[in-house]
């Protein structure tokens, strides 16, 4: 059973230019966190970075492969399905793991758990997620509770927000449904720190502060 992981990278990010190679205060580029995490996972056979710009190779640790992709996949109209489909056409695998540099703090143990849940056969896919138990509103109305009988937040039915550190799926799941999450996914709940996702400058500053004050000691 071949397992391949890949990290899609776009160099020309709109909201935070060059965010995937932007460095924390100790000089560590963002992209190295997820790559070093993936390298610790023994179930993975091959790891690649999938990027249109060969300059990304300067940031790749030893043992990480590079696959060049079309610049069309850097455009705002490109979808995750488009990216997976092109990568799949270049590298065949039984199980794919799609990870993103913007989720730098998810543990290798949780990604490994996702892989093993799919390998076990009970689930056709798996993904990392943040459990939300908050009083939510939509269009000026309560979304998940009765405002006349406000519940304790711990009694709310959990809602899960995807964390882009890991999407694990069998090849046939993508071929059948054209998506990275199948019809029977395993949801791997991760911690609040692991749920950090970097989209903009403020997100990056928060991640940098967490890393420099707490997480760097553990690396």
C-alpha atoms as a PDB file:
ATOM      1  CA  UNK A   1       0.000   0.000   0.000  1.00  0.00           C
ATOM      2  CA  UNK A   2       1.802   3.103  -1.243  1.00  0.00           C
ATOM      3  CA  UNK A   3       1.272   6.350   0.683  1.00  0.00           C
ATOM      4  CA  UNK A   4       2.369   9.665  -0.793  1.00  0.00           C
ATOM      5  CA  UNK A   5       2.155  13.046   0.922  1.00  0.00           C
ATOM      6  CA  UNK A   6       2.355  16.358  -0.872  1.00  0.00           C
ATOM      7  CA  UNK A   7       2.270  20.021   0.102  1.00  0.00           C
ATOM      8  CA  UNK A   8       0.768  22.386  -2.486  1.00  0.00           C
ATOM      9  CA  UNK A   9       2.588  25.718  -2.429  1.00  0.00           C
ATOM     10  CA  UNK A  10       1.695  28.997  -4.096  1.00  0.00           C
ATOM     11  CA  UNK A  11       4.435  31.629  -3.962  1.00  0.00           C
ATOM     12  CA  UNK A  12       2.307  34.638  -4.956  1.00  0.00           C
ATOM     13  CA  UNK A  13      -0.194  34.733  -2.086  1.00  0.00           C
ATOM     14  CA  UNK A  14      -2.559  37.686  -2.220  1.00  0.00           C
ATOM     15  CA  UNK A  15      -3.343  38.245   1.473  1.00  0.00           C
ATOM     16  CA  UNK A  16       0.202  37.676   2.776  1.00  0.00           C
ATOM     17  CA  UNK A  17       2.829  37.748   0.006  1.00  0.00           C
ATOM     18  CA  UNK A  18       5.420  34.955   0.202  1.00  0.00           C
ATOM     19  CA  UNK A  19       3.815  33.622   3.385  1.00  0.00           C
ATOM     20  CA  UNK A  20       4.893  30.019   2.820  1.00  0.00           C
ATOM     21  CA  UNK A  21       8.575  31.012   2.882  1.00  0.00           C
ATOM     22  CA  UNK A  22       8.208  33.856   5.380  1.00  0.00           C
ATOM     23  CA  UNK A  23      10.413  33.310   8.434  1.00  0.00           C
ATOM     24  CA  UNK A  24       9.588  33.318  12.121  1.00  0.00           C
ATOM     25  CA  UNK A  25      11.856  35.357  14.380  1.00  0.00           C
ATOM     26  CA  UNK A  26      14.433  32.562  14.666  1.00  0.00           C
ATOM     27  CA  UNK A  27      14.819  32.392  10.867  1.00  0.00           C
ATOM     28  CA  UNK A  28      12.734  29.248  10.295  1.00  0.00           C
ATOM     29  CA  UNK A  29      10.616  29.469   7.108  1.00  0.00           C
ATOM     30  CA  UNK A  30       6.965  28.556   7.573  1.00  0.00           C
ATOM     31  CA  UNK A  31       7.127  25.741   5.007  1.00  0.00           C
ATOM     32  CA  UNK A  32       9.712  23.798   7.017  1.00  0.00           C
ATOM     33  CA  UNK A  33       7.326  23.073   9.880  1.00  0.00           C
ATOM     34  CA  UNK A  34       4.896  20.857   7.962  1.00  0.00           C
ATOM     35  CA  UNK A  35       7.687  19.231   5.947  1.00  0.00           C
ATOM     36  CA  UNK A  36       9.640  18.277   9.060  1.00  0.00           C
ATOM     37  CA  UNK A  37       6.427  16.962  10.613  1.00  0.00           C
ATOM     38  CA  UNK A  38       5.681  14.790   7.584  1.00  0.00           C
ATOM     39  CA  UNK A  39       9.232  13.414   7.624  1.00  0.00           C
ATOM     40  CA  UNK A  40       8.581  11.983  11.096  1.00  0.00           C
ATOM     41  CA  UNK A  41       5.637   9.870   9.904  1.00  0.00           C
ATOM     42  CA  UNK A  42       6.855   6.355   9.182  1.00  0.00           C
ATOM     43  CA  UNK A  43       3.739   5.338   7.237  1.00  0.00           C
ATOM     44  CA  UNK A  44       4.510   7.825   4.444  1.00  0.00           C
ATOM     45  CA  UNK A  45       6.624   6.483   1.580  1.00  0.00           C
ATOM     46  CA  UNK A  46       7.245   9.677  -0.393  1.00  0.00           C
ATOM     47  CA  UNK A  47       6.881  13.419   0.291  1.00  0.00           C
ATOM     48  CA  UNK A  48       6.724  16.142  -2.342  1.00  0.00           C
ATOM     49  CA  UNK A  49       6.245  19.869  -2.603  1.00  0.00           C
ATOM     50  CA  UNK A  50       3.979  20.784  -5.529  1.00  0.00           C
ATOM     51  CA  UNK A  51       4.786  24.308  -6.729  1.00  0.00           C
ATOM     52  CA  UNK A  52       5.044  26.181 -10.025  1.00  0.00           C
ATOM     53  CA  UNK A  53       8.190  28.062  -8.975  1.00  0.00           C
ATOM     54  CA  UNK A  54      11.443  26.026  -8.783  1.00  0.00           C
ATOM     55  CA  UNK A  55      12.841  28.578  -6.302  1.00  0.00           C
ATOM     56  CA  UNK A  56      10.923  26.725  -3.598  1.00  0.00           C
ATOM     57  CA  UNK A  57      13.601  24.012  -3.786  1.00  0.00           C
ATOM     58  CA  UNK A  58      15.897  26.293  -1.764  1.00  0.00           C
ATOM     59  CA  UNK A  59      13.654  25.706   1.263  1.00  0.00           C
ATOM     60  CA  UNK A  60      13.223  21.943   1.053  1.00  0.00           C
ATOM     61  CA  UNK A  61      14.853  19.706   3.685  1.00  0.00           C
ATOM     62  CA  UNK A  62      16.725  16.607   2.580  1.00  0.00           C
ATOM     63  CA  UNK A  63      14.407  13.803   1.511  1.00  0.00           C
ATOM     64  CA  UNK A  64      11.633  16.049   0.186  1.00  0.00           C
ATOM     65  CA  UNK A  65      10.949  15.822  -3.557  1.00  0.00           C
ATOM     66  CA  UNK A  66       9.873  18.628  -5.866  1.00  0.00           C
ATOM     67  CA  UNK A  67       7.204  18.385  -8.551  1.00  0.00           C
ATOM     68  CA  UNK A  68       6.600  21.396 -10.765  1.00  0.00           C
ATOM     69  CA  UNK A  69       2.989  22.282 -11.439  1.00  0.00           C
ATOM     70  CA  UNK A  70       1.255  24.520 -13.942  1.00  0.00           C
ATOM     71  CA  UNK A  71       1.030  28.233 -13.149  1.00  0.00           C
ATOM     72  CA  UNK A  72      -2.688  27.936 -13.872  1.00  0.00           C
ATOM     73  CA  UNK A  73      -2.984  26.339 -10.436  1.00  0.00           C
ATOM     74  CA  UNK A  74      -1.748  29.603  -8.871  1.00  0.00           C
ATOM     75  CA  UNK A  75      -4.767  31.550 -10.099  1.00  0.00           C
ATOM     76  CA  UNK A  76      -7.710  32.436  -7.814  1.00  0.00           C
ATOM     77  CA  UNK A  77     -10.029  30.198  -9.838  1.00  0.00           C
ATOM     78  CA  UNK A  78      -7.999  27.036  -9.215  1.00  0.00           C
ATOM     79  CA  UNK A  79      -9.673  24.625  -6.776  1.00  0.00           C
ATOM     80  CA  UNK A  80      -8.237  21.981  -4.424  1.00  0.00           C
ATOM     81  CA  UNK A  81      -9.700  19.391  -6.795  1.00  0.00           C
ATOM     82  CA  UNK A  82      -7.719  20.891  -9.693  1.00  0.00           C
ATOM     83  CA  UNK A  83      -4.498  20.704  -7.678  1.00  0.00           C
ATOM     84  CA  UNK A  84      -5.060  17.131  -6.509  1.00  0.00           C
ATOM     85  CA  UNK A  85      -6.035  15.980  -9.985  1.00  0.00           C
ATOM     86  CA  UNK A  86      -2.833  17.342 -11.538  1.00  0.00           C
ATOM     87  CA  UNK A  87      -0.618  15.928  -8.808  1.00  0.00           C
ATOM     88  CA  UNK A  88      -2.334  12.558  -9.096  1.00  0.00           C
ATOM     89  CA  UNK A  89      -1.616  12.557 -12.848  1.00  0.00           C
ATOM     90  CA  UNK A  90       2.100  12.878 -12.060  1.00  0.00           C
ATOM     91  CA  UNK A  91       2.497  10.631  -8.997  1.00  0.00           C
ATOM     92  CA  UNK A  92       0.462   7.470  -8.469  1.00  0.00           C
ATOM     93  CA  UNK A  93      -0.392   6.271  -4.984  1.00  0.00           C
ATOM     94  CA  UNK A  94      -2.919   4.124  -3.132  1.00  0.00           C
ATOM     95  CA  UNK A  95      -3.400   6.742  -0.434  1.00  0.00           C
ATOM     96  CA  UNK A  96      -2.709  10.470  -0.669  1.00  0.00           C
ATOM     97  CA  UNK A  97      -1.963  12.857   2.175  1.00  0.00           C
ATOM     98  CA  UNK A  98      -2.477  16.522   1.336  1.00  0.00           C
ATOM     99  CA  UNK A  99      -0.949  18.928   3.839  1.00  0.00           C
ATOM    100  CA  UNK A 100      -0.576  22.701   3.882  1.00  0.00           C
ATOM    101  CA  UNK A 101       2.243  24.860   5.208  1.00  0.00           C
ATOM    102  CA  UNK A 102      -0.312  27.251   6.676  1.00  0.00           C
ATOM    103  CA  UNK A 103      -1.083  24.744   9.462  1.00  0.00           C
ATOM    104  CA  UNK A 104       2.392  24.483  10.984  1.00  0.00           C
ATOM    105  CA  UNK A 105       1.719  23.100  14.439  1.00  0.00           C
ATOM    106  CA  UNK A 106      -0.299  19.880  13.983  1.00  0.00           C
ATOM    107  CA  UNK A 107       1.545  16.944  15.525  1.00  0.00           C
ATOM    108  CA  UNK A 108       2.903  14.065  13.483  1.00  0.00           C
ATOM    109  CA  UNK A 109       0.928  11.745  15.768  1.00  0.00           C
ATOM    110  CA  UNK A 110      -2.401  13.201  14.636  1.00  0.00           C
ATOM    111  CA  UNK A 111      -1.494  12.990  10.958  1.00  0.00           C
ATOM    112  CA  UNK A 112      -0.341   9.412  11.531  1.00  0.00           C
ATOM    113  CA  UNK A 113      -3.658   8.687  13.244  1.00  0.00           C
ATOM    114  CA  UNK A 114      -5.519   9.940  10.153  1.00  0.00           C
ATOM    115  CA  UNK A 115      -3.450   7.674   7.915  1.00  0.00           C
ATOM    116  CA  UNK A 116      -3.995   4.615  10.065  1.00  0.00           C
ATOM    117  CA  UNK A 117      -7.747   5.190  10.276  1.00  0.00           C
ATOM    118  CA  UNK A 118      -7.877   5.063   6.469  1.00  0.00           C
ATOM    119  CA  UNK A 119      -5.490   2.092   6.324  1.00  0.00           C
ATOM    120  CA  UNK A 120      -7.726   0.232   8.754  1.00  0.00           C
ATOM    121  CA  UNK A 121     -10.561   0.211   6.222  1.00  0.00           C
ATOM    122  CA  UNK A 122     -13.344   1.552   8.441  1.00  0.00           C
ATOM    123  CA  UNK A 123     -12.994   5.052   6.976  1.00  0.00           C
ATOM    124  CA  UNK A 124     -12.476   6.064   3.340  1.00  0.00           C
ATOM    125  CA  UNK A 125     -10.809   9.342   4.275  1.00  0.00           C
ATOM    126  CA  UNK A 126      -9.709  11.420   7.260  1.00  0.00           C
ATOM    127  CA  UNK A 127      -8.923  15.019   8.098  1.00  0.00           C
ATOM    128  CA  UNK A 128      -7.708  17.153  10.986  1.00  0.00           C
ATOM    129  CA  UNK A 129     -10.265  19.469  12.548  1.00  0.00           C
ATOM    130  CA  UNK A 130     -10.960  21.932  15.329  1.00  0.00           C
ATOM    131  CA  UNK A 131     -13.973  21.174  17.524  1.00  0.00           C
ATOM    132  CA  UNK A 132     -16.189  24.219  18.029  1.00  0.00           C
ATOM    133  CA  UNK A 133     -18.653  24.435  20.898  1.00  0.00           C
ATOM    134  CA  UNK A 134     -19.611  28.092  20.869  1.00  0.00           C
ATOM    135  CA  UNK A 135     -22.810  30.108  20.625  1.00  0.00           C
ATOM    136  CA  UNK A 136     -22.930  30.830  16.908  1.00  0.00           C
ATOM    137  CA  UNK A 137     -25.038  33.290  14.931  1.00  0.00           C
ATOM    138  CA  UNK A 138     -25.852  33.528  11.224  1.00  0.00           C
ATOM    139  CA  UNK A 139     -27.875  36.240   9.458  1.00  0.00           C
ATOM    140  CA  UNK A 140     -28.708  37.846  12.835  1.00  0.00           C
ATOM    141  CA  UNK A 141     -30.185  34.590  14.168  1.00  0.00           C
ATOM    142  CA  UNK A 142     -28.843  31.898  16.507  1.00  0.00           C
ATOM    143  CA  UNK A 143     -27.341  29.112  14.446  1.00  0.00           C
ATOM    144  CA  UNK A 144     -26.922  26.281  16.920  1.00  0.00           C
ATOM    145  CA  UNK A 145     -28.987  27.171  20.011  1.00  0.00           C
ATOM    146  CA  UNK A 146     -32.307  28.535  21.252  1.00  0.00           C
ATOM    147  CA  UNK A 147     -31.774  32.151  22.410  1.00  0.00           C
ATOM    148  CA  UNK A 148     -34.657  31.837  24.874  1.00  0.00           C
ATOM    149  CA  UNK A 149     -32.966  28.875  26.570  1.00  0.00           C
ATOM    150  CA  UNK A 150     -29.241  29.519  26.367  1.00  0.00           C
ATOM    151  CA  UNK A 151     -27.373  26.240  26.954  1.00  0.00           C
ATOM    152  CA  UNK A 152     -23.992  25.640  28.489  1.00  0.00           C
ATOM    153  CA  UNK A 153     -21.443  25.647  25.675  1.00  0.00           C
ATOM    154  CA  UNK A 154     -20.203  22.187  26.695  1.00  0.00           C
ATOM    155  CA  UNK A 155     -23.705  20.844  26.033  1.00  0.00           C
ATOM    156  CA  UNK A 156     -23.818  22.116  22.450  1.00  0.00           C
ATOM    157  CA  UNK A 157     -23.527  19.631  19.618  1.00  0.00           C
ATOM    158  CA  UNK A 158     -19.939  19.976  18.354  1.00  0.00           C
ATOM    159  CA  UNK A 159     -19.294  21.575  14.971  1.00  0.00           C
ATOM    160  CA  UNK A 160     -15.984  20.831  13.276  1.00  0.00           C
ATOM    161  CA  UNK A 161     -13.854  23.281  11.330  1.00  0.00           C
ATOM    162  CA  UNK A 162     -11.330  21.767   8.929  1.00  0.00           C
ATOM    163  CA  UNK A 163      -7.660  22.256   9.784  1.00  0.00           C
ATOM    164  CA  UNK A 164      -5.614  22.037   6.604  1.00  0.00           C
ATOM    165  CA  UNK A 165      -2.695  20.102   8.108  1.00  0.00           C
ATOM    166  CA  UNK A 166      -3.912  16.784   6.735  1.00  0.00           C
ATOM    167  CA  UNK A 167      -6.440  15.401   4.288  1.00  0.00           C
ATOM    168  CA  UNK A 168      -5.974  11.659   3.854  1.00  0.00           C
ATOM    169  CA  UNK A 169      -7.904   9.730   1.219  1.00  0.00           C
ATOM    170  CA  UNK A 170      -7.772   6.629  -0.903  1.00  0.00           C
ATOM    171  CA  UNK A 171      -7.145   7.126  -4.614  1.00  0.00           C
ATOM    172  CA  UNK A 172     -10.500   5.613  -5.540  1.00  0.00           C
ATOM    173  CA  UNK A 173     -12.321   8.093  -3.267  1.00  0.00           C
ATOM    174  CA  UNK A 174     -11.037  11.022  -5.289  1.00  0.00           C
ATOM    175  CA  UNK A 175     -11.686   9.216  -8.560  1.00  0.00           C
ATOM    176  CA  UNK A 176     -15.274   8.441  -7.575  1.00  0.00           C
ATOM    177  CA  UNK A 177     -16.320  11.642  -5.793  1.00  0.00           C
ATOM    178  CA  UNK A 178     -13.809  14.210  -7.100  1.00  0.00           C
ATOM    179  CA  UNK A 179     -13.084  15.420  -3.585  1.00  0.00           C
ATOM    180  CA  UNK A 180     -10.546  14.921  -0.816  1.00  0.00           C
ATOM    181  CA  UNK A 181     -13.102  13.857   1.817  1.00  0.00           C
ATOM    182  CA  UNK A 182     -15.191  10.789   1.102  1.00  0.00           C
ATOM    183  CA  UNK A 183     -18.570   9.687   2.417  1.00  0.00           C
ATOM    184  CA  UNK A 184     -17.243   8.063   5.583  1.00  0.00           C
ATOM    185  CA  UNK A 185     -14.470  10.281   6.929  1.00  0.00           C
ATOM    186  CA  UNK A 186     -12.655  10.087  10.234  1.00  0.00           C
ATOM    187  CA  UNK A 187     -12.513  13.498  11.911  1.00  0.00           C
ATOM    188  CA  UNK A 188      -9.311  13.874  13.913  1.00  0.00           C
ATOM    189  CA  UNK A 189      -9.799  16.517  16.573  1.00  0.00           C
ATOM    190  CA  UNK A 190      -6.672  18.605  17.214  1.00  0.00           C
ATOM    191  CA  UNK A 191      -5.821  21.114  19.926  1.00  0.00           C
ATOM    192  CA  UNK A 192      -6.334  24.872  19.760  1.00  0.00           C
ATOM    193  CA  UNK A 193      -2.641  25.459  19.110  1.00  0.00           C
ATOM    194  CA  UNK A 194      -2.600  22.797  16.403  1.00  0.00           C
ATOM    195  CA  UNK A 195      -5.609  24.538  14.845  1.00  0.00           C
ATOM    196  CA  UNK A 196      -3.640  27.715  14.118  1.00  0.00           C
ATOM    197  CA  UNK A 197      -4.101  28.531  10.427  1.00  0.00           C
ATOM    198  CA  UNK A 198      -2.183  31.306   8.692  1.00  0.00           C
ATOM    199  CA  UNK A 199      -4.025  33.373   6.110  1.00  0.00           C
ATOM    200  CA  UNK A 200      -2.929  36.938   6.825  1.00  0.00           C
ATOM    201  CA  UNK A 201      -0.308  39.017   8.637  1.00  0.00           C
ATOM    202  CA  UNK A 202      -2.120  38.901  11.984  1.00  0.00           C
ATOM    203  CA  UNK A 203      -2.336  35.100  11.812  1.00  0.00           C
ATOM    204  CA  UNK A 204       1.381  34.935  11.105  1.00  0.00           C
ATOM    205  CA  UNK A 205       2.215  37.179  14.051  1.00  0.00           C
ATOM    206  CA  UNK A 206       0.124  35.030  16.388  1.00  0.00           C
ATOM    207  CA  UNK A 207       1.797  31.855  15.113  1.00  0.00           C
ATOM    208  CA  UNK A 208       5.226  33.440  15.482  1.00  0.00           C
ATOM    209  CA  UNK A 209       4.468  34.468  19.080  1.00  0.00           C
ATOM    210  CA  UNK A 210       3.241  30.971  19.956  1.00  0.00           C
ATOM    211  CA  UNK A 211       6.293  29.357  18.423  1.00  0.00           C
ATOM    212  CA  UNK A 212       8.848  31.699  19.949  1.00  0.00           C
ATOM    213  CA  UNK A 213       7.322  31.710  23.453  1.00  0.00           C
ATOM    214  CA  UNK A 214       6.049  28.139  23.792  1.00  0.00           C
ATOM    215  CA  UNK A 215       6.677  25.699  20.995  1.00  0.00           C
ATOM    216  CA  UNK A 216      10.322  26.325  20.148  1.00  0.00           C
ATOM    217  CA  UNK A 217      11.332  24.750  23.454  1.00  0.00           C
ATOM    218  CA  UNK A 218       9.721  21.492  22.333  1.00  0.00           C
ATOM    219  CA  UNK A 219      11.346  21.300  18.885  1.00  0.00           C
END
